[in-house]
């Protein structure tokens, strides 16, 4: 994605990474990748998400991301370090980080299976799609047959250049919308209140 960050279906996650929220246990000790890794991205150990994540963090540091954070204490998702790097440190706009991520992402554990949307969530996604089309974004799709959104919003990072992608672009069946476009941004502002909130 280069100098773009991605907000997936307006839930603020990186879809390809399956980045989800997790509850921290303040009493849990902090694991650290530490040291100098001796190999690049190879098959990660199975079973333990933290073991996967430590190998991923070590790989990222070997690829030149010296400030790659350790896993967040208490987060057992195996993805807390990359989520922190993207959401808190703003690494989504860093080309060096993106290059390293491409080389190391295979070390992350598989994302947990997604729960299907509730009836209320599906109604919200449908209402959002209908609203976006009423605002003139005719390409905006309804949710997929299993109720999942089929769109992403692309947002320029701190060093991004607006207009480097089309206003609306179909990428392998997923509609990507450029939020630097005034028309897309205006439609989103009008319609965002129809989106379901977490747990609804």
C-alpha atoms as a PDB file:
ATOM      1  CA  UNK A   1       0.000   0.000   0.000  1.00  0.00           C
ATOM      2  CA  UNK A   2       2.983   2.310   0.091  1.00  0.00           C
ATOM      3  CA  UNK A   3       2.153   5.585   1.789  1.00  0.00           C
ATOM      4  CA  UNK A   4      -1.429   4.663   2.604  1.00  0.00           C
ATOM      5  CA  UNK A   5      -3.055   3.335   5.715  1.00  0.00           C
ATOM      6  CA  UNK A   6      -6.168   1.221   5.442  1.00  0.00           C
ATOM      7  CA  UNK A   7      -9.353   1.377   7.478  1.00  0.00           C
ATOM      8  CA  UNK A   8     -11.275  -1.802   6.795  1.00  0.00           C
ATOM      9  CA  UNK A   9     -15.048  -1.580   6.704  1.00  0.00           C
ATOM     10  CA  UNK A  10     -14.764   1.435   9.002  1.00  0.00           C
ATOM     11  CA  UNK A  11     -13.658  -0.659  11.993  1.00  0.00           C
ATOM     12  CA  UNK A  12     -10.087   0.676  11.897  1.00  0.00           C
ATOM     13  CA  UNK A  13      -8.348  -2.675  11.292  1.00  0.00           C
ATOM     14  CA  UNK A  14      -5.809  -3.834   8.835  1.00  0.00           C
ATOM     15  CA  UNK A  15      -7.681  -6.583   7.057  1.00  0.00           C
ATOM     16  CA  UNK A  16      -4.788  -8.609   5.781  1.00  0.00           C
ATOM     17  CA  UNK A  17      -3.306  -8.717   9.263  1.00  0.00           C
ATOM     18  CA  UNK A  18      -6.523  -9.488  11.126  1.00  0.00           C
ATOM     19  CA  UNK A  19      -5.796  -6.861  13.745  1.00  0.00           C
ATOM     20  CA  UNK A  20      -8.359  -7.049  16.552  1.00  0.00           C
ATOM     21  CA  UNK A  21      -8.688  -5.643  20.030  1.00  0.00           C
ATOM     22  CA  UNK A  22      -7.572  -7.624  23.054  1.00  0.00           C
ATOM     23  CA  UNK A  23      -7.951  -7.254  26.806  1.00  0.00           C
ATOM     24  CA  UNK A  24      -4.680  -6.764  28.650  1.00  0.00           C
ATOM     25  CA  UNK A  25      -3.775  -8.485  31.907  1.00  0.00           C
ATOM     26  CA  UNK A  26      -1.693  -5.986  33.912  1.00  0.00           C
ATOM     27  CA  UNK A  27      -0.066  -8.789  35.862  1.00  0.00           C
ATOM     28  CA  UNK A  28       1.358 -10.586  32.863  1.00  0.00           C
ATOM     29  CA  UNK A  29       5.073 -10.287  32.207  1.00  0.00           C
ATOM     30  CA  UNK A  30       6.420  -8.663  29.054  1.00  0.00           C
ATOM     31  CA  UNK A  31       8.052 -10.872  26.460  1.00  0.00           C
ATOM     32  CA  UNK A  32      10.840  -9.393  24.366  1.00  0.00           C
ATOM     33  CA  UNK A  33      12.332 -10.338  21.032  1.00  0.00           C
ATOM     34  CA  UNK A  34      15.700  -9.015  22.230  1.00  0.00           C
ATOM     35  CA  UNK A  35      19.087  -9.842  20.759  1.00  0.00           C
ATOM     36  CA  UNK A  36      20.022 -10.064  17.104  1.00  0.00           C
ATOM     37  CA  UNK A  37      17.985 -12.478  14.987  1.00  0.00           C
ATOM     38  CA  UNK A  38      19.902 -15.112  13.096  1.00  0.00           C
ATOM     39  CA  UNK A  39      17.473 -15.767  10.263  1.00  0.00           C
ATOM     40  CA  UNK A  40      14.910 -13.984   8.093  1.00  0.00           C
ATOM     41  CA  UNK A  41      11.289 -14.973   7.603  1.00  0.00           C
ATOM     42  CA  UNK A  42      10.998 -18.746   7.743  1.00  0.00           C
ATOM     43  CA  UNK A  43       8.269 -21.034   8.988  1.00  0.00           C
ATOM     44  CA  UNK A  44       7.243 -19.909  12.455  1.00  0.00           C
ATOM     45  CA  UNK A  45       6.513 -22.351  15.282  1.00  0.00           C
ATOM     46  CA  UNK A  46       2.942 -23.557  15.530  1.00  0.00           C
ATOM     47  CA  UNK A  47       0.527 -23.295  18.407  1.00  0.00           C
ATOM     48  CA  UNK A  48       1.788 -20.371  20.481  1.00  0.00           C
ATOM     49  CA  UNK A  49       0.850 -16.928  19.055  1.00  0.00           C
ATOM     50  CA  UNK A  50       3.491 -15.224  21.211  1.00  0.00           C
ATOM     51  CA  UNK A  51       6.234 -17.450  19.778  1.00  0.00           C
ATOM     52  CA  UNK A  52       5.112 -16.434  16.286  1.00  0.00           C
ATOM     53  CA  UNK A  53       5.071 -12.782  17.260  1.00  0.00           C
ATOM     54  CA  UNK A  54       8.546 -12.812  18.805  1.00  0.00           C
ATOM     55  CA  UNK A  55       9.961 -14.253  15.588  1.00  0.00           C
ATOM     56  CA  UNK A  56       8.071 -11.608  13.621  1.00  0.00           C
ATOM     57  CA  UNK A  57       9.439  -8.773  15.788  1.00  0.00           C
ATOM     58  CA  UNK A  58      12.990 -10.129  15.465  1.00  0.00           C
ATOM     59  CA  UNK A  59      12.575 -10.353  11.690  1.00  0.00           C
ATOM     60  CA  UNK A  60      11.321  -6.758  11.473  1.00  0.00           C
ATOM     61  CA  UNK A  61      14.332  -5.525  13.432  1.00  0.00           C
ATOM     62  CA  UNK A  62      16.651  -7.503  11.202  1.00  0.00           C
ATOM     63  CA  UNK A  63      15.034  -5.803   8.214  1.00  0.00           C
ATOM     64  CA  UNK A  64      15.964  -2.381   9.614  1.00  0.00           C
ATOM     65  CA  UNK A  65      13.004  -1.471  11.856  1.00  0.00           C
ATOM     66  CA  UNK A  66      15.117  -0.846  14.962  1.00  0.00           C
ATOM     67  CA  UNK A  67      12.200   0.670  16.894  1.00  0.00           C
ATOM     68  CA  UNK A  68       9.838  -2.253  16.242  1.00  0.00           C
ATOM     69  CA  UNK A  69       8.015  -2.626  19.574  1.00  0.00           C
ATOM     70  CA  UNK A  70       7.871  -5.785  21.676  1.00  0.00           C
ATOM     71  CA  UNK A  71       4.489  -7.519  22.122  1.00  0.00           C
ATOM     72  CA  UNK A  72       2.041  -5.612  24.321  1.00  0.00           C
ATOM     73  CA  UNK A  73       1.833  -7.188  27.802  1.00  0.00           C
ATOM     74  CA  UNK A  74      -1.273  -9.297  28.244  1.00  0.00           C
ATOM     75  CA  UNK A  75      -2.229  -9.286  24.560  1.00  0.00           C
ATOM     76  CA  UNK A  76      -2.272 -12.907  23.409  1.00  0.00           C
ATOM     77  CA  UNK A  77      -3.377 -12.241  19.824  1.00  0.00           C
ATOM     78  CA  UNK A  78       0.144 -12.516  18.423  1.00  0.00           C
ATOM     79  CA  UNK A  79      -0.429  -9.234  16.575  1.00  0.00           C
ATOM     80  CA  UNK A  80      -0.105  -6.564  19.254  1.00  0.00           C
ATOM     81  CA  UNK A  81       3.333  -5.365  18.120  1.00  0.00           C
ATOM     82  CA  UNK A  82       2.336  -4.729  14.518  1.00  0.00           C
ATOM     83  CA  UNK A  83      -0.975  -3.181  15.604  1.00  0.00           C
ATOM     84  CA  UNK A  84       0.901  -0.817  17.950  1.00  0.00           C
ATOM     85  CA  UNK A  85       3.404   0.045  15.222  1.00  0.00           C
ATOM     86  CA  UNK A  86       0.631   0.881  12.757  1.00  0.00           C
ATOM     87  CA  UNK A  87      -1.953   2.523  15.002  1.00  0.00           C
ATOM     88  CA  UNK A  88       0.208   4.299  17.593  1.00  0.00           C
ATOM     89  CA  UNK A  89       3.557   4.837  15.872  1.00  0.00           C
ATOM     90  CA  UNK A  90       2.069   5.626  12.463  1.00  0.00           C
ATOM     91  CA  UNK A  91       4.266   3.148  10.606  1.00  0.00           C
ATOM     92  CA  UNK A  92       1.689   2.578   7.874  1.00  0.00           C
ATOM     93  CA  UNK A  93       3.152   5.535   5.959  1.00  0.00           C
ATOM     94  CA  UNK A  94       6.766   4.344   6.309  1.00  0.00           C
ATOM     95  CA  UNK A  95       8.032   2.701   3.103  1.00  0.00           C
ATOM     96  CA  UNK A  96      10.858   0.912   4.946  1.00  0.00           C
ATOM     97  CA  UNK A  97       8.368  -0.536   7.404  1.00  0.00           C
ATOM     98  CA  UNK A  98       6.093  -1.686   4.594  1.00  0.00           C
ATOM     99  CA  UNK A  99       8.989  -3.413   2.833  1.00  0.00           C
ATOM    100  CA  UNK A 100      10.003  -5.174   6.051  1.00  0.00           C
ATOM    101  CA  UNK A 101       6.386  -6.133   6.709  1.00  0.00           C
ATOM    102  CA  UNK A 102       6.138  -7.781   3.301  1.00  0.00           C
ATOM    103  CA  UNK A 103       9.148  -9.943   4.190  1.00  0.00           C
ATOM    104  CA  UNK A 104       8.117 -10.835   7.745  1.00  0.00           C
ATOM    105  CA  UNK A 105       4.323 -10.967   7.759  1.00  0.00           C
ATOM    106  CA  UNK A 106       4.299 -14.732   7.112  1.00  0.00           C
ATOM    107  CA  UNK A 107       5.706 -15.216  10.634  1.00  0.00           C
ATOM    108  CA  UNK A 108       2.572 -13.851  12.281  1.00  0.00           C
ATOM    109  CA  UNK A 109       0.094 -16.425  13.573  1.00  0.00           C
ATOM    110  CA  UNK A 110      -3.109 -16.940  11.594  1.00  0.00           C
ATOM    111  CA  UNK A 111      -5.821 -14.464  12.579  1.00  0.00           C
ATOM    112  CA  UNK A 112      -8.611 -15.878  14.737  1.00  0.00           C
ATOM    113  CA  UNK A 113     -11.774 -16.841  12.857  1.00  0.00           C
ATOM    114  CA  UNK A 114     -14.168 -13.948  12.490  1.00  0.00           C
ATOM    115  CA  UNK A 115     -17.592 -14.125  14.048  1.00  0.00           C
ATOM    116  CA  UNK A 116     -20.408 -13.640  11.525  1.00  0.00           C
ATOM    117  CA  UNK A 117     -22.194 -10.294  11.798  1.00  0.00           C
ATOM    118  CA  UNK A 118     -25.250 -10.092  14.013  1.00  0.00           C
ATOM    119  CA  UNK A 119     -28.622  -9.191  12.524  1.00  0.00           C
ATOM    120  CA  UNK A 120     -28.192  -5.659  13.850  1.00  0.00           C
ATOM    121  CA  UNK A 121     -24.740  -5.314  12.318  1.00  0.00           C
ATOM    122  CA  UNK A 122     -25.940  -6.593   8.952  1.00  0.00           C
ATOM    123  CA  UNK A 123     -28.776  -4.073   8.976  1.00  0.00           C
ATOM    124  CA  UNK A 124     -26.259  -1.333   9.740  1.00  0.00           C
ATOM    125  CA  UNK A 125     -23.926  -2.371   6.906  1.00  0.00           C
ATOM    126  CA  UNK A 126     -26.872  -2.448   4.488  1.00  0.00           C
ATOM    127  CA  UNK A 127     -28.064   0.971   5.624  1.00  0.00           C
ATOM    128  CA  UNK A 128     -24.542   2.373   5.235  1.00  0.00           C
ATOM    129  CA  UNK A 129     -24.238   0.988   1.690  1.00  0.00           C
ATOM    130  CA  UNK A 130     -27.626   2.384   0.715  1.00  0.00           C
ATOM    131  CA  UNK A 131     -26.734   5.780   2.185  1.00  0.00           C
ATOM    132  CA  UNK A 132     -23.406   5.919   0.335  1.00  0.00           C
ATOM    133  CA  UNK A 133     -25.171   5.192  -2.952  1.00  0.00           C
ATOM    134  CA  UNK A 134     -27.747   7.907  -2.237  1.00  0.00           C
ATOM    135  CA  UNK A 135     -24.841  10.302  -1.776  1.00  0.00           C
ATOM    136  CA  UNK A 136     -23.665   9.534  -5.311  1.00  0.00           C
ATOM    137  CA  UNK A 137     -21.148   6.732  -4.694  1.00  0.00           C
ATOM    138  CA  UNK A 138     -22.937   4.383  -7.078  1.00  0.00           C
ATOM    139  CA  UNK A 139     -20.229   1.686  -6.978  1.00  0.00           C
ATOM    140  CA  UNK A 140     -20.607   1.180  -3.234  1.00  0.00           C
ATOM    141  CA  UNK A 141     -21.491  -2.505  -2.648  1.00  0.00           C
ATOM    142  CA  UNK A 142     -23.932  -4.223  -0.328  1.00  0.00           C
ATOM    143  CA  UNK A 143     -22.419  -6.700   2.145  1.00  0.00           C
ATOM    144  CA  UNK A 144     -21.449 -10.134   0.835  1.00  0.00           C
ATOM    145  CA  UNK A 145     -23.937 -13.037   1.105  1.00  0.00           C
ATOM    146  CA  UNK A 146     -22.420 -14.017   4.471  1.00  0.00           C
ATOM    147  CA  UNK A 147     -23.019 -10.483   5.752  1.00  0.00           C
ATOM    148  CA  UNK A 148     -19.437  -9.176   5.626  1.00  0.00           C
ATOM    149  CA  UNK A 149     -18.595  -5.742   4.202  1.00  0.00           C
ATOM    150  CA  UNK A 150     -16.898  -5.725   0.801  1.00  0.00           C
ATOM    151  CA  UNK A 151     -15.198  -2.347   0.931  1.00  0.00           C
ATOM    152  CA  UNK A 152     -12.167  -0.613   2.383  1.00  0.00           C
ATOM    153  CA  UNK A 153     -11.369   3.038   2.894  1.00  0.00           C
ATOM    154  CA  UNK A 154      -7.843   4.152   2.028  1.00  0.00           C
ATOM    155  CA  UNK A 155      -6.506   7.100   4.007  1.00  0.00           C
ATOM    156  CA  UNK A 156      -3.237   8.919   3.206  1.00  0.00           C
ATOM    157  CA  UNK A 157      -0.649   8.572   5.969  1.00  0.00           C
ATOM    158  CA  UNK A 158       1.298  11.539   7.407  1.00  0.00           C
ATOM    159  CA  UNK A 159       3.592  11.601   4.360  1.00  0.00           C
ATOM    160  CA  UNK A 160       0.988  10.437   1.844  1.00  0.00           C
ATOM    161  CA  UNK A 161       0.101  12.200  -1.354  1.00  0.00           C
ATOM    162  CA  UNK A 162      -3.642  12.481  -2.081  1.00  0.00           C
ATOM    163  CA  UNK A 163      -4.745  11.231  -5.470  1.00  0.00           C
ATOM    164  CA  UNK A 164      -2.225   8.406  -5.871  1.00  0.00           C
ATOM    165  CA  UNK A 165      -5.109   5.933  -6.309  1.00  0.00           C
ATOM    166  CA  UNK A 166      -8.416   6.223  -8.097  1.00  0.00           C
ATOM    167  CA  UNK A 167     -11.393   7.688  -6.249  1.00  0.00           C
ATOM    168  CA  UNK A 168     -13.100   4.276  -6.385  1.00  0.00           C
ATOM    169  CA  UNK A 169     -11.241   1.143  -7.406  1.00  0.00           C
ATOM    170  CA  UNK A 170     -12.267  -2.537  -7.497  1.00  0.00           C
ATOM    171  CA  UNK A 171      -9.475  -4.735  -6.116  1.00  0.00           C
ATOM    172  CA  UNK A 172     -10.224  -8.439  -6.436  1.00  0.00           C
ATOM    173  CA  UNK A 173     -13.902  -7.947  -5.644  1.00  0.00           C
ATOM    174  CA  UNK A 174     -13.280  -5.458  -2.806  1.00  0.00           C
ATOM    175  CA  UNK A 175     -14.150  -1.826  -3.494  1.00  0.00           C
ATOM    176  CA  UNK A 176     -11.418   0.562  -2.294  1.00  0.00           C
ATOM    177  CA  UNK A 177     -12.488   4.159  -1.712  1.00  0.00           C
ATOM    178  CA  UNK A 178     -10.053   7.046  -1.509  1.00  0.00           C
ATOM    179  CA  UNK A 179     -10.979   9.190   1.506  1.00  0.00           C
ATOM    180  CA  UNK A 180      -8.804  12.034   0.228  1.00  0.00           C
ATOM    181  CA  UNK A 181     -11.516  12.517  -2.407  1.00  0.00           C
ATOM    182  CA  UNK A 182     -13.883  15.305  -1.295  1.00  0.00           C
ATOM    183  CA  UNK A 183     -16.892  13.391  -2.680  1.00  0.00           C
ATOM    184  CA  UNK A 184     -16.014  10.176  -0.843  1.00  0.00           C
ATOM    185  CA  UNK A 185     -15.193  12.032   2.378  1.00  0.00           C
ATOM    186  CA  UNK A 186     -18.434  14.022   2.254  1.00  0.00           C
ATOM    187  CA  UNK A 187     -20.529  10.881   1.663  1.00  0.00           C
ATOM    188  CA  UNK A 188     -18.791   9.093   4.505  1.00  0.00           C
ATOM    189  CA  UNK A 189     -19.476  11.968   6.918  1.00  0.00           C
ATOM    190  CA  UNK A 190     -23.175  11.878   6.052  1.00  0.00           C
ATOM    191  CA  UNK A 191     -23.488   8.078   6.307  1.00  0.00           C
ATOM    192  CA  UNK A 192     -21.109   7.012   9.057  1.00  0.00           C
ATOM    193  CA  UNK A 193     -23.776   7.230  11.760  1.00  0.00           C
ATOM    194  CA  UNK A 194     -25.558   4.257  10.150  1.00  0.00           C
ATOM    195  CA  UNK A 195     -22.606   1.951  10.742  1.00  0.00           C
ATOM    196  CA  UNK A 196     -23.053  -0.577  13.527  1.00  0.00           C
ATOM    197  CA  UNK A 197     -21.098   0.014  16.703  1.00  0.00           C
ATOM    198  CA  UNK A 198     -19.001  -2.696  18.306  1.00  0.00           C
ATOM    199  CA  UNK A 199     -21.228  -5.461  19.657  1.00  0.00           C
ATOM    200  CA  UNK A 200     -24.365  -4.150  17.915  1.00  0.00           C
END
